[in-house]
């Protein structure tokens, strides 16, 4: 069931956008697709990417925790990167 089927009551909403933004949105729209359908499809795609990225992160973390040497190497690398970031920040000031 799509969002449109669940929410059959329509409210009129005005969104102001720059012409360039409208043009970009139009590039993502399929033929004969409403703005509502386009926005829902794009939001679904972003949500799906977020879920896949989170699952991939959790899979990598679980694999690293299963290998203590990899976990230790990752922690060492994270500490090194944090030290470099702190040094760069201190150099900016």
C-alpha atoms as a PDB file:
ATOM      1  CA  UNK A   1       0.000   0.000   0.000  1.00  0.00           C
ATOM      2  CA  UNK A   2       1.449   3.318  -1.039  1.00  0.00           C
ATOM      3  CA  UNK A   3       1.372   6.533   0.930  1.00  0.00           C
ATOM      4  CA  UNK A   4      -1.199   7.854  -1.506  1.00  0.00           C
ATOM      5  CA  UNK A   5      -3.520   4.937  -0.812  1.00  0.00           C
ATOM      6  CA  UNK A   6      -3.153   5.354   2.951  1.00  0.00           C
ATOM      7  CA  UNK A   7      -3.648   9.100   2.867  1.00  0.00           C
ATOM      8  CA  UNK A   8      -6.515   9.701   0.482  1.00  0.00           C
ATOM      9  CA  UNK A   9      -7.348  13.077   2.030  1.00  0.00           C
ATOM     10  CA  UNK A  10      -5.333  15.725   0.278  1.00  0.00           C
ATOM     11  CA  UNK A  11      -4.345  19.016   1.804  1.00  0.00           C
ATOM     12  CA  UNK A  12      -3.158  21.772  -0.441  1.00  0.00           C
ATOM     13  CA  UNK A  13       0.313  22.880   0.583  1.00  0.00           C
ATOM     14  CA  UNK A  14       2.328  25.620  -1.007  1.00  0.00           C
ATOM     15  CA  UNK A  15       6.060  25.107  -1.197  1.00  0.00           C
ATOM     16  CA  UNK A  16       8.216  27.938  -2.351  1.00  0.00           C
ATOM     17  CA  UNK A  17      11.314  26.945  -4.249  1.00  0.00           C
ATOM     18  CA  UNK A  18      13.874  28.633  -6.425  1.00  0.00           C
ATOM     19  CA  UNK A  19      13.500  28.042 -10.158  1.00  0.00           C
ATOM     20  CA  UNK A  20      16.763  26.079 -10.164  1.00  0.00           C
ATOM     21  CA  UNK A  21      15.388  23.799  -7.440  1.00  0.00           C
ATOM     22  CA  UNK A  22      12.197  23.186  -9.404  1.00  0.00           C
ATOM     23  CA  UNK A  23      14.295  22.344 -12.462  1.00  0.00           C
ATOM     24  CA  UNK A  24      16.379  19.867 -10.458  1.00  0.00           C
ATOM     25  CA  UNK A  25      13.240  18.240  -9.060  1.00  0.00           C
ATOM     26  CA  UNK A  26      11.784  17.984 -12.560  1.00  0.00           C
ATOM     27  CA  UNK A  27      14.882  16.043 -13.644  1.00  0.00           C
ATOM     28  CA  UNK A  28      14.012  13.348 -11.088  1.00  0.00           C
ATOM     29  CA  UNK A  29      10.338  13.124 -12.047  1.00  0.00           C
ATOM     30  CA  UNK A  30       9.098  10.361 -14.286  1.00  0.00           C
ATOM     31  CA  UNK A  31       6.668  11.076 -17.110  1.00  0.00           C
ATOM     32  CA  UNK A  32       3.091  11.514 -15.898  1.00  0.00           C
ATOM     33  CA  UNK A  33       4.229  11.567 -12.261  1.00  0.00           C
ATOM     34  CA  UNK A  34       2.869  14.105  -9.788  1.00  0.00           C
ATOM     35  CA  UNK A  35       5.098  16.163  -7.519  1.00  0.00           C
ATOM     36  CA  UNK A  36       3.712  14.170  -4.585  1.00  0.00           C
ATOM     37  CA  UNK A  37       4.668  10.876  -6.223  1.00  0.00           C
ATOM     38  CA  UNK A  38       8.120  12.166  -7.112  1.00  0.00           C
ATOM     39  CA  UNK A  39       8.810  13.412  -3.592  1.00  0.00           C
ATOM     40  CA  UNK A  40       7.579  10.172  -2.025  1.00  0.00           C
ATOM     41  CA  UNK A  41       9.709   8.088  -4.389  1.00  0.00           C
ATOM     42  CA  UNK A  42      12.801  10.182  -3.604  1.00  0.00           C
ATOM     43  CA  UNK A  43      12.163  10.039   0.151  1.00  0.00           C
ATOM     44  CA  UNK A  44      11.713   6.253  -0.063  1.00  0.00           C
ATOM     45  CA  UNK A  45      15.024   5.963  -1.913  1.00  0.00           C
ATOM     46  CA  UNK A  46      16.851   8.033   0.706  1.00  0.00           C
ATOM     47  CA  UNK A  47      15.317   6.041   3.547  1.00  0.00           C
ATOM     48  CA  UNK A  48      16.326   2.794   1.836  1.00  0.00           C
ATOM     49  CA  UNK A  49      19.914   4.033   1.404  1.00  0.00           C
ATOM     50  CA  UNK A  50      20.068   4.997   5.075  1.00  0.00           C
ATOM     51  CA  UNK A  51      18.877   1.540   6.152  1.00  0.00           C
ATOM     52  CA  UNK A  52      21.364  -0.196   3.843  1.00  0.00           C
ATOM     53  CA  UNK A  53      24.220   1.992   5.079  1.00  0.00           C
ATOM     54  CA  UNK A  54      23.290   1.293   8.713  1.00  0.00           C
ATOM     55  CA  UNK A  55      23.069  -2.453   8.060  1.00  0.00           C
ATOM     56  CA  UNK A  56      26.437  -2.430   6.297  1.00  0.00           C
ATOM     57  CA  UNK A  57      27.976  -0.532   9.221  1.00  0.00           C
ATOM     58  CA  UNK A  58      26.545  -2.991  11.738  1.00  0.00           C
ATOM     59  CA  UNK A  59      27.792  -5.936   9.674  1.00  0.00           C
ATOM     60  CA  UNK A  60      31.304  -4.486   9.466  1.00  0.00           C
ATOM     61  CA  UNK A  61      31.321  -3.697  13.189  1.00  0.00           C
ATOM     62  CA  UNK A  62      30.174  -7.211  14.094  1.00  0.00           C
ATOM     63  CA  UNK A  63      32.843  -8.731  11.848  1.00  0.00           C
ATOM     64  CA  UNK A  64      35.526  -6.512  13.361  1.00  0.00           C
ATOM     65  CA  UNK A  65      34.443  -7.356  16.905  1.00  0.00           C
ATOM     66  CA  UNK A  66      34.634 -11.045  16.018  1.00  0.00           C
ATOM     67  CA  UNK A  67      38.328 -10.556  15.140  1.00  0.00           C
ATOM     68  CA  UNK A  68      40.104  -8.998  18.154  1.00  0.00           C
ATOM     69  CA  UNK A  69      43.185  -8.064  16.101  1.00  0.00           C
ATOM     70  CA  UNK A  70      41.070  -6.163  13.587  1.00  0.00           C
ATOM     71  CA  UNK A  71      39.219  -4.430  16.427  1.00  0.00           C
ATOM     72  CA  UNK A  72      42.521  -3.396  18.042  1.00  0.00           C
ATOM     73  CA  UNK A  73      43.904  -2.181  14.705  1.00  0.00           C
ATOM     74  CA  UNK A  74      40.736  -0.160  14.112  1.00  0.00           C
ATOM     75  CA  UNK A  75      40.938   1.408  17.557  1.00  0.00           C
ATOM     76  CA  UNK A  76      44.587   2.306  16.980  1.00  0.00           C
ATOM     77  CA  UNK A  77      43.737   3.870  13.612  1.00  0.00           C
ATOM     78  CA  UNK A  78      40.845   5.819  15.134  1.00  0.00           C
ATOM     79  CA  UNK A  79      43.146   7.186  17.848  1.00  0.00           C
ATOM     80  CA  UNK A  80      45.725   8.186  15.238  1.00  0.00           C
ATOM     81  CA  UNK A  81      43.097   9.995  13.157  1.00  0.00           C
ATOM     82  CA  UNK A  82      41.724  11.756  16.231  1.00  0.00           C
ATOM     83  CA  UNK A  83      45.247  12.927  17.119  1.00  0.00           C
ATOM     84  CA  UNK A  84      45.779  14.239  13.578  1.00  0.00           C
ATOM     85  CA  UNK A  85      42.450  16.074  13.649  1.00  0.00           C
ATOM     86  CA  UNK A  86      43.316  17.635  17.007  1.00  0.00           C
ATOM     87  CA  UNK A  87      46.723  18.712  15.682  1.00  0.00           C
ATOM     88  CA  UNK A  88      45.144  20.303  12.615  1.00  0.00           C
ATOM     89  CA  UNK A  89      42.597  22.104  14.729  1.00  0.00           C
ATOM     90  CA  UNK A  90      45.341  23.400  17.045  1.00  0.00           C
ATOM     91  CA  UNK A  91      47.360  24.585  14.025  1.00  0.00           C
ATOM     92  CA  UNK A  92      44.382  26.608  12.763  1.00  0.00           C
ATOM     93  CA  UNK A  93      44.124  28.597  15.979  1.00  0.00           C
END
